[in-house]
Amino acid sequence: MRSLKDFLKIESSSAIFLFAATCVALFFANTQLHAIYSYIIDINISIQVGNFEIKKPILLWVNDGLMTIFFFMIGLELKREFVHGHLADPKQVVLPAAGAIGGIIAPAIVFYIINHGDPSTLRGWAIPTATDIAFALGVLSLCSSRVPKSAKIFLLTLAIFDDLAAIFIIALFYTSNISVSALTYAFIGVLVLIILNKSKVIANAPYVLVGIFLWACVLKSGVHATLAGVITAMFMPVGKNTLRLEHDLHPWVAFFILPLFAFSNTGLNLLEVSLDSFINSVTLGCTLGLLIGKQVGVFTFSYMVLKVAKIRNGDLSLCHLWGLALLSGIGFTMSLFIASLAYGRTNLDAVLQARMGILLGSLLSGICGYLVLRYLSTRQSKHVPKKLAQ
């Protein structure tokens, strides 16, 4: 419980840094400093060992490099939760797992309906399927006195399944041309991780070193490099060493890596925004996918499971469930990340449109979720609350 409280505290505080980084990026992009902003994220940095070279602008070092650490931490959290945490008890995961499934299917359908006539923009179908746990928990903390602790557990578990689904989506749908030779070396790296695990090596250093090698191989293979972080984490044994590593990494990820990612990816020039910017298919798909698709998908699938399986979820009411479904529409970090994979630098207009839709959809979802949880929960508390599945 102490670990859970520490996690929730860091994630909620991280939302402030994410918001500040976004504001700074928007300030740079909409003033005379926009040239400096563009120059900074486009600076090329290269690492070369013999004939092996990695050369990328800072933007991609953040997206492909530092975000691998973020995915590595997600992998550690997932494994810990499946072994010793809330995901180890099937009864605790059925409801949020159902909500997560609905929260993937419905937004994707919304985006598809709006973009089905254009194959180039349809690549972004997964953008509104993601949930940003930091912002969602940050908004939830603003009305924590009006929601039960089970609401935080539900939202956290939902986001974990959401992240797991995002990992599979990235692996299956957002890979470029495959390099067989680089992928072969990556498989060798995975075999070494398996050997380390089977040999019951508990030190973190060997896994991290192999993980760096794996990252370089996956980067060159055409599969997105961030998956190397998840794979490395999955083979690390759950113990004091990994718990300490996760604990040490969490503040760096929450207060440095994710805000830096937000700063690098949210520099949207609002001076160029017109009415057409809000009604194009990509912006509408992202906005409505997050605001409507997430809300409908999470609530409907969760409610169906409650009725069919007759599962109880403590003091979590239908009103709470609706508010949490709205909060799950705060996509931001993972949505921005998937947008960069879907459109890259080959369709910059679509990237900018996606960013606009993500910001707008996340903002509206956060405001609506807050209002539901704050005001409707207060109104409901004056009456006998209708418990879920009763």
Protein backbone atom coordinates (compact mmCIF):
# COMPACT_ATOMS: atom_id res chain seq x y z
CA MET A 1 0.00 0.00 0.00
CA ARG A 2 2.91 2.36 0.71
CA SER A 3 4.34 1.66 -2.74
CA LEU A 4 0.92 2.36 -4.26
CA LYS A 5 0.61 5.65 -2.37
CA ASP A 6 4.11 6.70 -3.47
CA PHE A 7 3.24 5.83 -7.07
CA LEU A 8 0.00 7.80 -7.02
CA LYS A 9 1.72 10.77 -5.39
CA ILE A 10 4.48 10.89 -8.01
CA GLU A 11 2.08 10.41 -10.92
CA SER A 12 -0.24 13.16 -9.67
CA SER A 13 2.67 15.56 -9.17
CA SER A 14 4.07 14.67 -12.58
CA ALA A 15 0.93 16.10 -14.16
CA ILE A 16 2.02 19.57 -13.01
CA PHE A 17 5.39 19.19 -14.75
CA LEU A 18 3.74 17.83 -17.91
CA PHE A 19 1.36 20.78 -17.98
CA ALA A 20 4.20 23.26 -17.40
CA ALA A 21 6.33 21.68 -20.14
CA THR A 22 3.41 21.88 -22.56
CA CYS A 23 2.84 25.55 -21.73
CA VAL A 24 6.53 26.33 -22.26
CA ALA A 25 6.51 24.52 -25.62
CA LEU A 26 3.41 26.44 -26.73
CA PHE A 27 5.03 29.70 -25.59
CA PHE A 28 8.17 28.97 -27.62
CA ALA A 29 6.18 27.92 -30.67
CA ASN A 30 3.96 31.01 -30.63
CA THR A 31 6.52 33.75 -30.04
CA GLN A 32 9.68 34.96 -31.71
CA LEU A 33 11.41 32.08 -29.93
CA HIS A 34 9.88 29.53 -32.32
CA ALA A 35 13.09 29.48 -34.39
CA ILE A 36 15.09 28.58 -31.29
CA TYR A 37 12.58 25.85 -30.42
CA SER A 38 12.80 24.31 -33.90
CA TYR A 39 16.59 24.59 -33.86
CA ILE A 40 16.89 22.82 -30.50
CA ILE A 41 14.73 19.79 -31.33
CA ASP A 42 16.38 19.43 -34.77
CA ILE A 43 20.01 19.37 -33.54
CA ASN A 44 21.62 16.16 -34.78
CA ILE A 45 23.53 13.98 -32.31
CA SER A 46 25.44 10.92 -33.47
CA ILE A 47 27.06 7.96 -31.73
CA GLN A 48 29.47 5.85 -33.74
CA VAL A 49 31.40 2.69 -32.89
CA GLY A 50 33.34 1.46 -35.91
CA ASN A 51 30.90 1.12 -38.79
CA PHE A 52 27.91 1.20 -36.46
CA GLU A 53 26.36 4.67 -36.24
CA ILE A 54 23.20 6.12 -34.76
CA LYS A 55 22.47 9.67 -35.91
CA LYS A 56 19.23 11.37 -34.94
CA PRO A 57 17.89 14.84 -34.08
CA ILE A 58 17.19 15.56 -30.43
CA LEU A 59 13.46 15.05 -31.03
CA LEU A 60 14.03 11.43 -32.05
CA TRP A 61 16.62 10.83 -29.32
CA VAL A 62 13.85 11.77 -26.90
CA ASN A 63 11.16 9.72 -28.67
CA ASP A 64 13.29 6.67 -29.48
CA GLY A 65 15.87 6.86 -26.70
CA LEU A 66 14.61 8.42 -23.47
CA MET A 67 11.11 7.06 -24.01
CA THR A 68 12.66 3.57 -23.98
CA ILE A 69 13.42 4.20 -20.30
CA PHE A 70 9.77 5.13 -19.83
CA PHE A 71 8.69 1.86 -21.45
CA PHE A 72 11.30 -0.01 -19.41
CA MET A 73 9.69 1.34 -16.24
CA ILE A 74 6.24 0.38 -17.57
CA GLY A 75 7.57 -3.15 -18.10
CA LEU A 76 8.85 -3.30 -14.53
CA GLU A 77 5.49 -2.07 -13.22
CA LEU A 78 3.56 -4.56 -15.34
CA LYS A 79 5.63 -7.53 -14.21
CA ARG A 80 5.45 -6.49 -10.55
CA GLU A 81 1.68 -6.02 -10.76
CA PHE A 82 1.17 -9.42 -12.44
CA VAL A 83 3.39 -11.20 -9.91
CA HIS A 84 2.59 -9.49 -6.60
CA GLY A 85 0.22 -6.59 -7.29
CA HIS A 86 -3.42 -5.98 -8.19
CA LEU A 87 -3.15 -7.87 -11.47
CA ALA A 88 -2.26 -11.08 -9.61
CA ASP A 89 -5.88 -11.43 -8.44
CA PRO A 90 -8.24 -12.11 -11.39
CA LYS A 91 -11.20 -10.74 -9.44
CA GLN A 92 -9.51 -7.34 -9.23
CA VAL A 93 -8.76 -7.04 -12.93
CA VAL A 94 -11.92 -8.17 -14.72
CA LEU A 95 -13.72 -4.82 -14.48
CA PRO A 96 -10.83 -2.50 -15.47
CA ALA A 97 -9.65 -4.99 -18.11
CA ALA A 98 -13.09 -4.89 -19.71
CA GLY A 99 -13.06 -1.11 -19.54
CA ALA A 100 -9.61 -1.02 -21.16
CA ILE A 101 -10.80 -3.24 -24.04
CA GLY A 102 -13.78 -0.96 -24.65
CA GLY A 103 -11.49 2.05 -24.34
CA ILE A 104 -9.43 0.71 -27.23
CA ILE A 105 -12.17 -0.53 -29.54
CA ALA A 106 -14.59 2.42 -29.37
CA PRO A 107 -12.05 5.26 -29.98
CA ALA A 108 -10.53 3.30 -32.86
CA ILE A 109 -13.99 2.93 -34.40
CA VAL A 110 -14.68 6.66 -34.00
CA PHE A 111 -11.37 7.54 -35.66
CA TYR A 112 -12.01 5.02 -38.45
CA ILE A 113 -15.49 6.38 -39.20
CA ILE A 114 -14.11 9.91 -39.57
CA ASN A 115 -10.96 8.95 -41.52
CA HIS A 116 -11.93 5.83 -43.48
CA GLY A 117 -11.79 7.64 -46.82
CA ASP A 118 -8.10 8.57 -46.48
CA PRO A 119 -5.57 5.71 -46.01
CA SER A 120 -2.77 8.17 -45.16
CA THR A 121 -4.61 9.63 -42.16
CA LEU A 122 -6.16 6.29 -41.16
CA ARG A 123 -2.73 5.21 -39.90
CA GLY A 124 -3.48 7.22 -36.78
CA TRP A 125 -6.40 5.02 -35.69
CA ALA A 126 -4.62 4.07 -32.45
CA ILE A 127 -3.91 7.65 -31.34
CA PRO A 128 -7.12 8.11 -29.27
CA THR A 129 -6.90 4.64 -27.68
CA ALA A 130 -4.30 5.67 -25.09
CA THR A 131 -4.68 7.02 -21.55
CA ASP A 132 -2.18 9.29 -19.78
CA ILE A 133 -2.12 8.00 -16.21
CA ALA A 134 -0.21 11.02 -14.87
CA PHE A 135 -2.74 13.61 -16.05
CA ALA A 136 -5.71 11.35 -15.27
CA LEU A 137 -4.55 10.78 -11.68
CA GLY A 138 -3.67 14.46 -11.40
CA VAL A 139 -7.25 15.47 -12.23
CA LEU A 140 -8.61 12.72 -9.98
CA SER A 141 -6.55 14.04 -7.07
CA LEU A 142 -8.35 17.40 -7.37
CA CYS A 143 -11.58 15.74 -6.28
CA SER A 144 -10.13 12.87 -4.23
CA SER A 145 -12.28 13.72 -1.23
CA ARG A 146 -15.37 12.95 -3.32
CA VAL A 147 -14.27 9.61 -4.76
CA PRO A 148 -13.49 6.32 -3.01
CA LYS A 149 -10.03 4.75 -3.03
CA SER A 150 -11.39 2.03 -5.33
CA ALA A 151 -11.73 4.72 -8.03
CA LYS A 152 -7.97 5.29 -8.02
CA ILE A 153 -7.32 1.54 -8.13
CA PHE A 154 -9.73 1.16 -11.07
CA LEU A 155 -8.14 4.01 -13.02
CA LEU A 156 -4.61 2.80 -12.30
CA THR A 157 -5.38 -0.79 -13.34
CA LEU A 158 -7.21 0.45 -16.44
CA ALA A 159 -4.14 2.49 -17.42
CA ILE A 160 -1.85 -0.51 -16.89
CA PHE A 161 -3.90 -2.60 -19.32
CA ASP A 162 -4.04 0.41 -21.61
CA ASP A 163 -0.23 0.62 -21.63
CA LEU A 164 0.04 -3.12 -22.26
CA ALA A 165 -2.28 -2.81 -25.24
CA ALA A 166 -0.31 0.17 -26.55
CA ILE A 167 2.87 -1.94 -26.46
CA PHE A 168 1.25 -4.63 -28.62
CA ILE A 169 -0.24 -2.05 -30.99
CA ILE A 170 3.16 -0.41 -31.51
CA ALA A 171 4.82 -3.79 -32.08
CA LEU A 172 2.20 -4.99 -34.57
CA PHE A 173 1.19 -1.87 -36.49
CA TYR A 174 3.92 0.75 -36.21
CA THR A 175 7.08 -0.86 -37.52
CA SER A 176 8.99 0.14 -40.64
CA ASN A 177 10.92 -2.06 -43.05
CA ILE A 178 12.44 -4.98 -41.16
CA SER A 179 16.20 -5.58 -41.19
CA VAL A 180 16.72 -9.34 -40.81
CA SER A 181 20.35 -9.02 -39.72
CA ALA A 182 19.60 -6.45 -37.00
CA LEU A 183 16.62 -8.50 -35.85
CA THR A 184 18.85 -11.58 -35.62
CA TYR A 185 21.21 -9.74 -33.28
CA ALA A 186 18.17 -8.61 -31.29
CA PHE A 187 17.06 -12.24 -30.85
CA ILE A 188 20.56 -13.05 -29.59
CA GLY A 189 20.13 -10.29 -27.02
CA VAL A 190 16.78 -11.79 -25.96
CA LEU A 191 18.43 -15.23 -25.60
CA VAL A 192 21.05 -13.71 -23.31
CA LEU A 193 18.26 -12.17 -21.20
CA ILE A 194 16.59 -15.59 -20.98
CA ILE A 195 19.88 -17.19 -19.87
CA LEU A 196 20.37 -14.50 -17.22
CA ASN A 197 16.83 -15.07 -15.95
CA LYS A 198 17.10 -18.86 -15.91
CA SER A 199 20.47 -18.60 -14.15
CA LYS A 200 18.69 -16.60 -11.44
CA VAL A 201 20.97 -13.58 -11.85
CA ILE A 202 19.48 -10.92 -9.57
CA ALA A 203 21.91 -8.05 -10.23
CA ASN A 204 20.43 -5.30 -12.41
CA ALA A 205 23.61 -4.34 -14.29
CA PRO A 206 23.83 -7.40 -16.62
CA TYR A 207 20.20 -6.97 -17.69
CA VAL A 208 20.66 -3.24 -18.30
CA LEU A 209 23.81 -3.78 -20.38
CA VAL A 210 22.12 -6.42 -22.52
CA GLY A 211 19.09 -4.13 -22.74
CA ILE A 212 21.24 -1.32 -24.21
CA PHE A 213 22.59 -3.77 -26.81
CA LEU A 214 19.04 -4.94 -27.52
CA TRP A 215 17.86 -1.33 -27.90
CA ALA A 216 20.52 -0.60 -30.55
CA CYS A 217 19.62 -3.77 -32.46
CA VAL A 218 15.87 -3.13 -32.33
CA LEU A 219 16.43 0.49 -33.39
CA LYS A 220 18.25 -0.70 -36.52
CA SER A 221 15.79 -3.55 -37.17
CA GLY A 222 12.80 -1.39 -38.04
CA VAL A 223 10.76 -2.43 -34.98
CA HIS A 224 10.28 0.54 -32.68
CA ALA A 225 13.20 0.77 -30.26
CA THR A 226 11.08 1.46 -27.16
CA LEU A 227 9.93 -2.18 -27.19
CA ALA A 228 13.46 -3.15 -26.14
CA GLY A 229 12.76 -1.48 -22.79
CA VAL A 230 9.65 -3.58 -22.19
CA ILE A 231 11.36 -6.82 -23.25
CA THR A 232 14.33 -6.19 -20.96
CA ALA A 233 12.06 -5.45 -18.00
CA MET A 234 10.00 -8.60 -18.53
CA PHE A 235 13.05 -10.85 -18.09
CA MET A 236 14.27 -9.16 -14.91
CA PRO A 237 13.35 -11.11 -11.77
CA VAL A 238 10.99 -9.34 -9.37
CA GLY A 239 12.94 -8.65 -6.19
CA LYS A 240 14.45 -5.96 -4.02
CA ASN A 241 16.92 -4.92 -6.71
CA THR A 242 14.26 -4.32 -9.36
CA LEU A 243 11.94 -2.64 -6.88
CA ARG A 244 14.76 -0.29 -5.93
CA LEU A 245 15.54 0.34 -9.59
CA GLU A 246 11.90 1.09 -10.34
CA HIS A 247 11.71 3.37 -7.32
CA ASP A 248 14.85 5.24 -8.45
CA LEU A 249 13.72 5.54 -12.07
CA HIS A 250 10.20 6.73 -11.36
CA PRO A 251 11.04 10.34 -10.38
CA TRP A 252 13.39 10.71 -13.37
CA VAL A 253 10.71 9.46 -15.73
CA ALA A 254 7.90 11.48 -14.14
CA PHE A 255 9.76 14.77 -13.66
CA PHE A 256 12.32 14.79 -16.46
CA ILE A 257 11.74 12.33 -19.33
CA LEU A 258 7.98 12.77 -19.75
CA PRO A 259 8.07 16.59 -19.40
CA LEU A 260 10.95 16.70 -21.90
CA PHE A 261 8.89 14.53 -24.25
CA ALA A 262 5.92 16.86 -23.80
CA PHE A 263 8.11 19.90 -24.48
CA SER A 264 9.53 18.32 -27.64
CA ASN A 265 6.21 17.17 -29.07
CA THR A 266 3.65 19.85 -28.21
CA GLY A 267 5.17 22.89 -29.91
CA LEU A 268 2.02 23.76 -31.84
CA ASN A 269 1.81 27.16 -33.53
CA LEU A 270 -1.62 28.37 -32.45
CA LEU A 271 -1.26 31.50 -34.59
CA GLU A 272 -1.74 29.30 -37.64
CA VAL A 273 -4.83 27.63 -36.22
CA SER A 274 -8.06 28.36 -38.09
CA LEU A 275 -11.56 26.92 -38.07
CA ASP A 276 -10.45 24.39 -40.67
CA SER A 277 -7.83 23.16 -38.20
CA PHE A 278 -10.60 21.99 -35.88
CA ILE A 279 -12.79 20.29 -38.46
CA ASN A 280 -10.22 18.31 -40.43
CA SER A 281 -10.51 14.54 -40.15
CA VAL A 282 -7.39 13.89 -38.06
CA THR A 283 -8.19 16.55 -35.45
CA LEU A 284 -11.82 15.45 -35.25
CA GLY A 285 -10.84 11.78 -35.06
CA CYS A 286 -8.45 12.39 -32.18
CA THR A 287 -10.75 14.81 -30.32
CA LEU A 288 -13.93 12.76 -30.59
CA GLY A 289 -12.07 9.49 -30.18
CA LEU A 290 -10.73 10.63 -26.80
CA LEU A 291 -13.81 12.52 -25.62
CA ILE A 292 -16.59 10.28 -26.96
CA GLY A 293 -14.94 7.00 -27.87
CA LYS A 294 -13.08 6.52 -24.61
CA GLN A 295 -16.06 7.55 -22.52
CA VAL A 296 -18.51 5.26 -24.29
CA GLY A 297 -16.10 2.33 -24.61
CA VAL A 298 -14.86 2.24 -21.01
CA PHE A 299 -18.27 2.82 -19.43
CA THR A 300 -20.24 0.48 -21.71
CA PHE A 301 -17.85 -2.48 -21.52
CA SER A 302 -17.45 -2.08 -17.75
CA TYR A 303 -21.20 -1.86 -17.26
CA MET A 304 -21.79 -4.93 -19.44
CA VAL A 305 -19.35 -6.97 -17.34
CA LEU A 306 -21.01 -5.77 -14.17
CA LYS A 307 -24.41 -6.88 -15.41
CA VAL A 308 -23.38 -10.14 -17.04
CA ALA A 309 -20.78 -11.34 -14.53
CA LYS A 310 -22.47 -9.63 -11.55
CA ILE A 311 -19.12 -8.39 -10.25
CA ARG A 312 -19.09 -6.00 -7.35
CA ASN A 313 -16.50 -3.27 -7.02
CA GLY A 314 -16.85 -2.01 -3.47
CA ASP A 315 -18.14 1.53 -3.14
CA LEU A 316 -17.57 2.51 -6.78
CA SER A 317 -20.86 3.87 -8.13
CA LEU A 318 -22.12 4.31 -11.67
CA CYS A 319 -21.48 8.02 -11.38
CA HIS A 320 -17.86 7.35 -10.40
CA LEU A 321 -17.51 4.92 -13.29
CA TRP A 322 -18.79 7.53 -15.75
CA GLY A 323 -16.37 10.14 -14.41
CA LEU A 324 -13.44 7.70 -14.61
CA ALA A 325 -14.42 6.78 -18.17
CA LEU A 326 -14.22 10.47 -19.05
CA LEU A 327 -10.80 10.82 -17.38
CA SER A 328 -9.52 7.88 -19.43
CA GLY A 329 -9.95 10.16 -22.44
CA ILE A 330 -6.90 12.15 -21.33
CA GLY A 331 -4.52 10.68 -23.88
CA PHE A 332 -1.62 13.14 -24.07
CA THR A 333 1.77 11.39 -23.60
CA MET A 334 1.04 8.00 -25.17
CA SER A 335 -1.27 9.53 -27.78
CA LEU A 336 1.42 12.01 -28.81
CA PHE A 337 3.91 9.16 -28.97
CA ILE A 338 1.67 7.03 -31.20
CA ALA A 339 1.00 10.08 -33.41
CA SER A 340 4.74 10.48 -33.96
CA LEU A 341 4.92 6.82 -35.00
CA ALA A 342 1.82 6.92 -37.19
CA TYR A 343 2.77 9.96 -39.25
CA GLY A 344 6.44 10.58 -38.44
CA ARG A 345 8.05 13.28 -40.56
CA THR A 346 6.45 12.11 -43.78
CA ASN A 347 3.12 13.79 -43.00
CA LEU A 348 3.85 16.84 -40.85
CA ASP A 349 0.37 18.32 -41.42
CA ALA A 350 -1.22 15.18 -39.95
CA VAL A 351 1.19 15.30 -36.99
CA LEU A 352 0.18 18.89 -36.20
CA GLN A 353 -3.51 18.07 -36.64
CA ALA A 354 -3.15 15.06 -34.35
CA ARG A 355 -1.45 17.20 -31.70
CA MET A 356 -4.31 19.69 -31.87
CA GLY A 357 -6.87 16.90 -31.51
CA ILE A 358 -4.98 15.28 -28.63
CA LEU A 359 -4.67 18.54 -26.71
CA LEU A 360 -8.31 19.44 -27.29
CA GLY A 361 -9.69 15.96 -26.59
CA SER A 362 -7.58 15.53 -23.46
CA LEU A 363 -8.53 18.98 -22.15
CA LEU A 364 -12.27 18.42 -22.69
CA SER A 365 -12.10 14.90 -21.19
CA GLY A 366 -10.27 16.19 -18.13
CA ILE A 367 -12.73 19.04 -17.55
CA CYS A 368 -15.80 16.86 -18.06
CA GLY A 369 -14.41 14.07 -15.88
CA TYR A 370 -13.60 16.51 -13.11
CA LEU A 371 -17.09 18.06 -13.22
CA VAL A 372 -18.79 14.67 -13.11
CA LEU A 373 -16.70 13.38 -10.23
CA ARG A 374 -16.87 16.62 -8.26
CA TYR A 375 -20.43 17.79 -8.68
CA LEU A 376 -22.47 14.70 -9.52
CA SER A 377 -20.72 12.71 -6.80
CA THR A 378 -21.61 15.44 -4.32
CA ARG A 379 -25.21 15.38 -5.45
CA GLN A 380 -25.28 11.61 -5.31
CA SER A 381 -23.87 11.57 -1.77
CA LYS A 382 -27.04 13.32 -0.59
CA HIS A 383 -29.00 10.24 -1.57
CA VAL A 384 -28.54 6.57 -0.96
CA PRO A 385 -25.80 5.67 -3.48
CA LYS A 386 -26.65 3.12 -6.07
CA LYS A 387 -23.85 0.55 -5.90
CA LEU A 388 -22.51 -1.02 -9.00
CA ALA A 389 -24.05 -4.29 -10.05
CA GLN A 390 -26.80 -4.05 -7.44
